[in-house]
């Protein structure tokens, strides 16, 4: 039994960043996915699995069954992988971006030049207006994938002014660490980068 709970937690941890929603607490929106198979998975996401579904969009572990999230695939016994962002989601064409990249561990973000995103709510999640404030902050957040240009990470809240050519997700959803960013931009080519004095 403990092994089953560990596997369920692993599945949840892997799937959380891949489940893109219209709002922070909504099921996946099919229109944002690039592949037809993932759009179908999004439409069926809240539909319980049946015996006939196992191996066709549903997985089984012992007596438990669960539906595969969009952009995920089985990599082995009770293991799940996920597609890269650009294969999973519909992306805009490459263009020039500039702004401030704040490099924090599990919380890095990109702020477009001239923008001031809303702050995350600091109140109790049960308080009035919390959900709306959280969804507004999440939708305005941008996760920056700079892995292709080997920019490196400091994970200390270090700020850099950065200009680059990149591709942004077409639709607002849940991207980046734990799905807490409303958009993701993939850096394809770095133009300039400079440290910002604190």
C-alpha atoms as a PDB file:
ATOM      1  CA  UNK A   1       0.000   0.000   0.000  1.00  0.00           C
ATOM      2  CA  UNK A   2       2.763   2.588   0.761  1.00  0.00           C
ATOM      3  CA  UNK A   3       4.220   1.911  -2.685  1.00  0.00           C
ATOM      4  CA  UNK A   4       0.864   2.770  -4.294  1.00  0.00           C
ATOM      5  CA  UNK A   5       0.650   6.083  -2.401  1.00  0.00           C
ATOM      6  CA  UNK A   6       4.214   6.960  -3.421  1.00  0.00           C
ATOM      7  CA  UNK A   7       3.346   6.256  -7.044  1.00  0.00           C
ATOM      8  CA  UNK A   8       0.178   8.385  -6.848  1.00  0.00           C
ATOM      9  CA  UNK A   9       2.173  11.263  -5.350  1.00  0.00           C
ATOM     10  CA  UNK A  10       4.790  10.906  -8.106  1.00  0.00           C
ATOM     11  CA  UNK A  11       2.098  10.993 -10.784  1.00  0.00           C
ATOM     12  CA  UNK A  12       0.563  14.098  -9.208  1.00  0.00           C
ATOM     13  CA  UNK A  13       3.951  15.828  -8.946  1.00  0.00           C
ATOM     14  CA  UNK A  14       4.751  15.127 -12.593  1.00  0.00           C
ATOM     15  CA  UNK A  15       1.316  16.021 -13.918  1.00  0.00           C
ATOM     16  CA  UNK A  16       0.744  19.286 -12.063  1.00  0.00           C
ATOM     17  CA  UNK A  17       3.016  21.351 -14.347  1.00  0.00           C
ATOM     18  CA  UNK A  18       1.610  19.702 -17.460  1.00  0.00           C
ATOM     19  CA  UNK A  19      -2.059  20.253 -16.753  1.00  0.00           C
ATOM     20  CA  UNK A  20      -2.859  23.568 -18.334  1.00  0.00           C
ATOM     21  CA  UNK A  21      -6.096  25.257 -17.351  1.00  0.00           C
ATOM     22  CA  UNK A  22      -8.165  28.237 -18.367  1.00  0.00           C
ATOM     23  CA  UNK A  23      -8.107  29.326 -14.712  1.00  0.00           C
ATOM     24  CA  UNK A  24      -5.960  28.168 -11.837  1.00  0.00           C
ATOM     25  CA  UNK A  25      -8.583  25.659 -10.624  1.00  0.00           C
ATOM     26  CA  UNK A  26     -10.235  24.620 -13.918  1.00  0.00           C
ATOM     27  CA  UNK A  27      -9.717  21.471 -16.032  1.00  0.00           C
ATOM     28  CA  UNK A  28      -7.423  21.657 -19.101  1.00  0.00           C
ATOM     29  CA  UNK A  29      -8.668  23.701 -22.061  1.00  0.00           C
ATOM     30  CA  UNK A  30      -8.337  21.573 -25.226  1.00  0.00           C
ATOM     31  CA  UNK A  31      -7.625  24.505 -27.604  1.00  0.00           C
ATOM     32  CA  UNK A  32      -4.163  25.171 -26.169  1.00  0.00           C
ATOM     33  CA  UNK A  33      -2.674  21.794 -27.115  1.00  0.00           C
ATOM     34  CA  UNK A  34      -0.770  21.275 -30.366  1.00  0.00           C
ATOM     35  CA  UNK A  35      -1.569  17.574 -30.869  1.00  0.00           C
ATOM     36  CA  UNK A  36      -5.041  16.190 -31.559  1.00  0.00           C
ATOM     37  CA  UNK A  37      -4.411  13.373 -29.046  1.00  0.00           C
ATOM     38  CA  UNK A  38      -3.768  15.889 -26.258  1.00  0.00           C
ATOM     39  CA  UNK A  39      -6.869  17.923 -27.133  1.00  0.00           C
ATOM     40  CA  UNK A  40      -8.907  14.710 -26.764  1.00  0.00           C
ATOM     41  CA  UNK A  41      -7.234  13.928 -23.419  1.00  0.00           C
ATOM     42  CA  UNK A  42      -8.122  17.420 -22.193  1.00  0.00           C
ATOM     43  CA  UNK A  43     -11.780  16.921 -23.139  1.00  0.00           C
ATOM     44  CA  UNK A  44     -11.859  13.562 -21.301  1.00  0.00           C
ATOM     45  CA  UNK A  45      -9.750  14.613 -18.311  1.00  0.00           C
ATOM     46  CA  UNK A  46     -12.565  14.557 -15.742  1.00  0.00           C
ATOM     47  CA  UNK A  47     -14.227  11.435 -17.199  1.00  0.00           C
ATOM     48  CA  UNK A  48     -13.550   8.381 -14.986  1.00  0.00           C
ATOM     49  CA  UNK A  49     -11.593   5.515 -16.567  1.00  0.00           C
ATOM     50  CA  UNK A  50     -13.223   2.185 -17.349  1.00  0.00           C
ATOM     51  CA  UNK A  51     -11.616  -1.209 -17.966  1.00  0.00           C
ATOM     52  CA  UNK A  52     -11.897  -0.593 -21.723  1.00  0.00           C
ATOM     53  CA  UNK A  53      -9.818   2.621 -21.374  1.00  0.00           C
ATOM     54  CA  UNK A  54      -6.745   1.022 -19.754  1.00  0.00           C
ATOM     55  CA  UNK A  55      -3.821   1.348 -22.165  1.00  0.00           C
ATOM     56  CA  UNK A  56      -5.737   3.922 -24.245  1.00  0.00           C
ATOM     57  CA  UNK A  57      -5.447   7.121 -22.249  1.00  0.00           C
ATOM     58  CA  UNK A  58      -5.820   5.520 -18.818  1.00  0.00           C
ATOM     59  CA  UNK A  59      -3.293   3.791 -16.559  1.00  0.00           C
ATOM     60  CA  UNK A  60      -3.787   1.167 -13.866  1.00  0.00           C
ATOM     61  CA  UNK A  61      -1.920   0.396 -10.670  1.00  0.00           C
ATOM     62  CA  UNK A  62      -3.466  -2.422  -8.712  1.00  0.00           C
ATOM     63  CA  UNK A  63      -7.170  -1.661  -8.398  1.00  0.00           C
ATOM     64  CA  UNK A  64      -6.755   2.071  -9.131  1.00  0.00           C
ATOM     65  CA  UNK A  65      -7.073   3.685 -12.550  1.00  0.00           C
ATOM     66  CA  UNK A  66      -6.324   7.253 -13.625  1.00  0.00           C
ATOM     67  CA  UNK A  67      -6.600   9.197 -16.852  1.00  0.00           C
ATOM     68  CA  UNK A  68      -3.383  10.391 -18.471  1.00  0.00           C
ATOM     69  CA  UNK A  69      -2.982  14.149 -18.582  1.00  0.00           C
ATOM     70  CA  UNK A  70      -2.382  15.871 -21.916  1.00  0.00           C
ATOM     71  CA  UNK A  71       1.231  15.709 -23.119  1.00  0.00           C
ATOM     72  CA  UNK A  72       2.190  12.827 -20.834  1.00  0.00           C
ATOM     73  CA  UNK A  73       3.206   9.289 -21.748  1.00  0.00           C
ATOM     74  CA  UNK A  74       4.092   6.097 -19.926  1.00  0.00           C
ATOM     75  CA  UNK A  75       7.846   5.543 -19.732  1.00  0.00           C
ATOM     76  CA  UNK A  76       7.666   2.245 -17.868  1.00  0.00           C
ATOM     77  CA  UNK A  77       5.878   0.551 -15.028  1.00  0.00           C
ATOM     78  CA  UNK A  78       4.079   3.327 -13.128  1.00  0.00           C
ATOM     79  CA  UNK A  79       6.352   6.040 -14.551  1.00  0.00           C
ATOM     80  CA  UNK A  80       5.224   9.057 -16.571  1.00  0.00           C
ATOM     81  CA  UNK A  81       7.141  11.408 -18.857  1.00  0.00           C
ATOM     82  CA  UNK A  82       6.019  14.633 -20.521  1.00  0.00           C
ATOM     83  CA  UNK A  83       6.516  16.302 -23.865  1.00  0.00           C
ATOM     84  CA  UNK A  84       8.574  19.498 -24.146  1.00  0.00           C
ATOM     85  CA  UNK A  85       6.566  22.737 -24.121  1.00  0.00           C
ATOM     86  CA  UNK A  86       6.948  23.428 -27.852  1.00  0.00           C
ATOM     87  CA  UNK A  87       5.658  19.935 -28.751  1.00  0.00           C
ATOM     88  CA  UNK A  88       2.798  20.057 -26.266  1.00  0.00           C
ATOM     89  CA  UNK A  89       1.308  23.544 -26.608  1.00  0.00           C
ATOM     90  CA  UNK A  90       0.439  25.837 -29.481  1.00  0.00           C
ATOM     91  CA  UNK A  91       3.142  28.480 -29.761  1.00  0.00           C
ATOM     92  CA  UNK A  92       3.277  31.908 -31.393  1.00  0.00           C
ATOM     93  CA  UNK A  93       5.890  32.575 -34.067  1.00  0.00           C
ATOM     94  CA  UNK A  94       9.350  33.611 -32.910  1.00  0.00           C
ATOM     95  CA  UNK A  95       9.801  37.319 -32.195  1.00  0.00           C
ATOM     96  CA  UNK A  96      11.973  39.711 -30.207  1.00  0.00           C
ATOM     97  CA  UNK A  97      11.369  40.076 -26.450  1.00  0.00           C
ATOM     98  CA  UNK A  98      13.051  42.239 -23.817  1.00  0.00           C
ATOM     99  CA  UNK A  99      12.584  42.622 -20.096  1.00  0.00           C
ATOM    100  CA  UNK A 100      13.824  41.585 -16.671  1.00  0.00           C
ATOM    101  CA  UNK A 101      14.501  37.953 -15.809  1.00  0.00           C
ATOM    102  CA  UNK A 102      14.399  37.235 -12.066  1.00  0.00           C
ATOM    103  CA  UNK A 103      16.222  33.975 -11.465  1.00  0.00           C
ATOM    104  CA  UNK A 104      14.876  32.370  -8.290  1.00  0.00           C
ATOM    105  CA  UNK A 105      14.863  28.695  -7.414  1.00  0.00           C
ATOM    106  CA  UNK A 106      11.491  27.236  -8.510  1.00  0.00           C
ATOM    107  CA  UNK A 107      10.107  30.749  -8.786  1.00  0.00           C
ATOM    108  CA  UNK A 108      11.950  32.432 -11.623  1.00  0.00           C
ATOM    109  CA  UNK A 109       9.936  34.819 -13.755  1.00  0.00           C
ATOM    110  CA  UNK A 110      10.215  37.113 -16.721  1.00  0.00           C
ATOM    111  CA  UNK A 111       8.724  40.616 -16.694  1.00  0.00           C
ATOM    112  CA  UNK A 112       8.247  42.135 -20.128  1.00  0.00           C
ATOM    113  CA  UNK A 113       9.701  45.599 -20.665  1.00  0.00           C
ATOM    114  CA  UNK A 114       7.219  48.222 -19.432  1.00  0.00           C
ATOM    115  CA  UNK A 115       4.946  45.754 -17.610  1.00  0.00           C
ATOM    116  CA  UNK A 116       4.183  45.493 -13.893  1.00  0.00           C
ATOM    117  CA  UNK A 117       2.472  42.178 -13.091  1.00  0.00           C
ATOM    118  CA  UNK A 118       0.029  41.964 -10.172  1.00  0.00           C
ATOM    119  CA  UNK A 119       1.306  40.500  -6.908  1.00  0.00           C
ATOM    120  CA  UNK A 120       0.266  37.097  -5.635  1.00  0.00           C
ATOM    121  CA  UNK A 121      -2.272  37.314  -2.795  1.00  0.00           C
ATOM    122  CA  UNK A 122      -0.730  37.159   0.669  1.00  0.00           C
ATOM    123  CA  UNK A 123      -3.951  36.383   2.507  1.00  0.00           C
ATOM    124  CA  UNK A 124      -5.551  33.115   3.542  1.00  0.00           C
ATOM    125  CA  UNK A 125      -6.686  31.077   0.485  1.00  0.00           C
ATOM    126  CA  UNK A 126     -10.182  30.935   1.986  1.00  0.00           C
ATOM    127  CA  UNK A 127     -10.522  34.698   2.223  1.00  0.00           C
ATOM    128  CA  UNK A 128     -12.851  36.610  -0.127  1.00  0.00           C
ATOM    129  CA  UNK A 129     -11.240  37.517  -3.425  1.00  0.00           C
ATOM    130  CA  UNK A 130      -8.232  35.211  -2.972  1.00  0.00           C
ATOM    131  CA  UNK A 131      -9.082  32.913  -5.909  1.00  0.00           C
ATOM    132  CA  UNK A 132      -9.628  35.817  -8.302  1.00  0.00           C
ATOM    133  CA  UNK A 133      -6.392  37.541  -7.193  1.00  0.00           C
ATOM    134  CA  UNK A 134      -4.422  34.280  -7.527  1.00  0.00           C
ATOM    135  CA  UNK A 135      -5.785  33.629 -11.023  1.00  0.00           C
ATOM    136  CA  UNK A 136      -5.004  37.210 -12.090  1.00  0.00           C
ATOM    137  CA  UNK A 137      -1.403  36.934 -10.801  1.00  0.00           C
ATOM    138  CA  UNK A 138      -0.934  33.489 -12.344  1.00  0.00           C
ATOM    139  CA  UNK A 139      -2.241  34.634 -15.754  1.00  0.00           C
ATOM    140  CA  UNK A 140       0.210  37.580 -15.780  1.00  0.00           C
ATOM    141  CA  UNK A 141       3.267  35.490 -14.779  1.00  0.00           C
ATOM    142  CA  UNK A 142       5.735  34.370 -17.469  1.00  0.00           C
ATOM    143  CA  UNK A 143       8.051  31.377 -17.098  1.00  0.00           C
ATOM    144  CA  UNK A 144      11.260  31.772 -19.120  1.00  0.00           C
ATOM    145  CA  UNK A 145      12.855  28.644 -20.573  1.00  0.00           C
ATOM    146  CA  UNK A 146      16.457  29.690 -21.267  1.00  0.00           C
ATOM    147  CA  UNK A 147      17.837  26.139 -21.397  1.00  0.00           C
ATOM    148  CA  UNK A 148      18.635  26.284 -25.131  1.00  0.00           C
ATOM    149  CA  UNK A 149      20.987  29.253 -24.736  1.00  0.00           C
ATOM    150  CA  UNK A 150      22.811  27.975 -21.627  1.00  0.00           C
ATOM    151  CA  UNK A 151      22.247  31.169 -19.663  1.00  0.00           C
ATOM    152  CA  UNK A 152      22.870  29.458 -16.333  1.00  0.00           C
ATOM    153  CA  UNK A 153      21.033  29.918 -13.054  1.00  0.00           C
ATOM    154  CA  UNK A 154      21.952  31.600  -9.783  1.00  0.00           C
ATOM    155  CA  UNK A 155      18.665  30.687  -8.005  1.00  0.00           C
ATOM    156  CA  UNK A 156      19.141  33.672  -5.697  1.00  0.00           C
ATOM    157  CA  UNK A 157      16.690  36.207  -7.071  1.00  0.00           C
ATOM    158  CA  UNK A 158      19.402  37.657  -9.302  1.00  0.00           C
ATOM    159  CA  UNK A 159      17.965  40.115 -11.861  1.00  0.00           C
ATOM    160  CA  UNK A 160      19.136  40.390 -15.442  1.00  0.00           C
ATOM    161  CA  UNK A 161      17.993  42.623 -18.280  1.00  0.00           C
ATOM    162  CA  UNK A 162      17.643  40.286 -21.240  1.00  0.00           C
ATOM    163  CA  UNK A 163      16.823  40.685 -24.929  1.00  0.00           C
ATOM    164  CA  UNK A 164      16.246  37.651 -27.120  1.00  0.00           C
ATOM    165  CA  UNK A 165      14.357  35.979 -29.946  1.00  0.00           C
ATOM    166  CA  UNK A 166      11.835  33.501 -28.601  1.00  0.00           C
ATOM    167  CA  UNK A 167       8.445  31.811 -28.863  1.00  0.00           C
ATOM    168  CA  UNK A 168       5.583  32.364 -26.413  1.00  0.00           C
ATOM    169  CA  UNK A 169       2.737  30.003 -25.652  1.00  0.00           C
ATOM    170  CA  UNK A 170      -0.305  31.145 -27.613  1.00  0.00           C
ATOM    171  CA  UNK A 171      -2.826  30.705 -24.805  1.00  0.00           C
ATOM    172  CA  UNK A 172      -2.752  31.534 -21.121  1.00  0.00           C
ATOM    173  CA  UNK A 173      -2.583  28.383 -19.022  1.00  0.00           C
ATOM    174  CA  UNK A 174      -0.386  26.849 -16.318  1.00  0.00           C
ATOM    175  CA  UNK A 175       3.289  26.604 -17.210  1.00  0.00           C
ATOM    176  CA  UNK A 176       6.631  26.410 -15.433  1.00  0.00           C
ATOM    177  CA  UNK A 177       7.209  25.152 -11.902  1.00  0.00           C
ATOM    178  CA  UNK A 178       4.002  23.652 -10.474  1.00  0.00           C
ATOM    179  CA  UNK A 179       2.047  25.340 -13.268  1.00  0.00           C
ATOM    180  CA  UNK A 180       2.115  28.716 -11.520  1.00  0.00           C
ATOM    181  CA  UNK A 181       2.972  30.805 -14.586  1.00  0.00           C
ATOM    182  CA  UNK A 182       0.259  31.828 -17.016  1.00  0.00           C
ATOM    183  CA  UNK A 183       2.605  31.793 -20.029  1.00  0.00           C
ATOM    184  CA  UNK A 184       5.958  30.405 -21.051  1.00  0.00           C
ATOM    185  CA  UNK A 185       8.523  31.860 -23.417  1.00  0.00           C
ATOM    186  CA  UNK A 186      11.263  29.707 -24.927  1.00  0.00           C
ATOM    187  CA  UNK A 187      14.497  31.604 -25.601  1.00  0.00           C
ATOM    188  CA  UNK A 188      15.771  30.505 -29.034  1.00  0.00           C
ATOM    189  CA  UNK A 189      18.543  33.086 -29.535  1.00  0.00           C
ATOM    190  CA  UNK A 190      20.083  35.446 -27.006  1.00  0.00           C
ATOM    191  CA  UNK A 191      20.725  39.013 -28.196  1.00  0.00           C
ATOM    192  CA  UNK A 192      21.984  40.623 -24.994  1.00  0.00           C
ATOM    193  CA  UNK A 193      22.059  40.067 -21.256  1.00  0.00           C
ATOM    194  CA  UNK A 194      23.298  42.328 -18.457  1.00  0.00           C
ATOM    195  CA  UNK A 195      23.066  42.249 -14.686  1.00  0.00           C
ATOM    196  CA  UNK A 196      20.692  44.730 -13.051  1.00  0.00           C
ATOM    197  CA  UNK A 197      22.092  46.551 -10.027  1.00  0.00           C
ATOM    198  CA  UNK A 198      20.073  45.828  -6.885  1.00  0.00           C
END
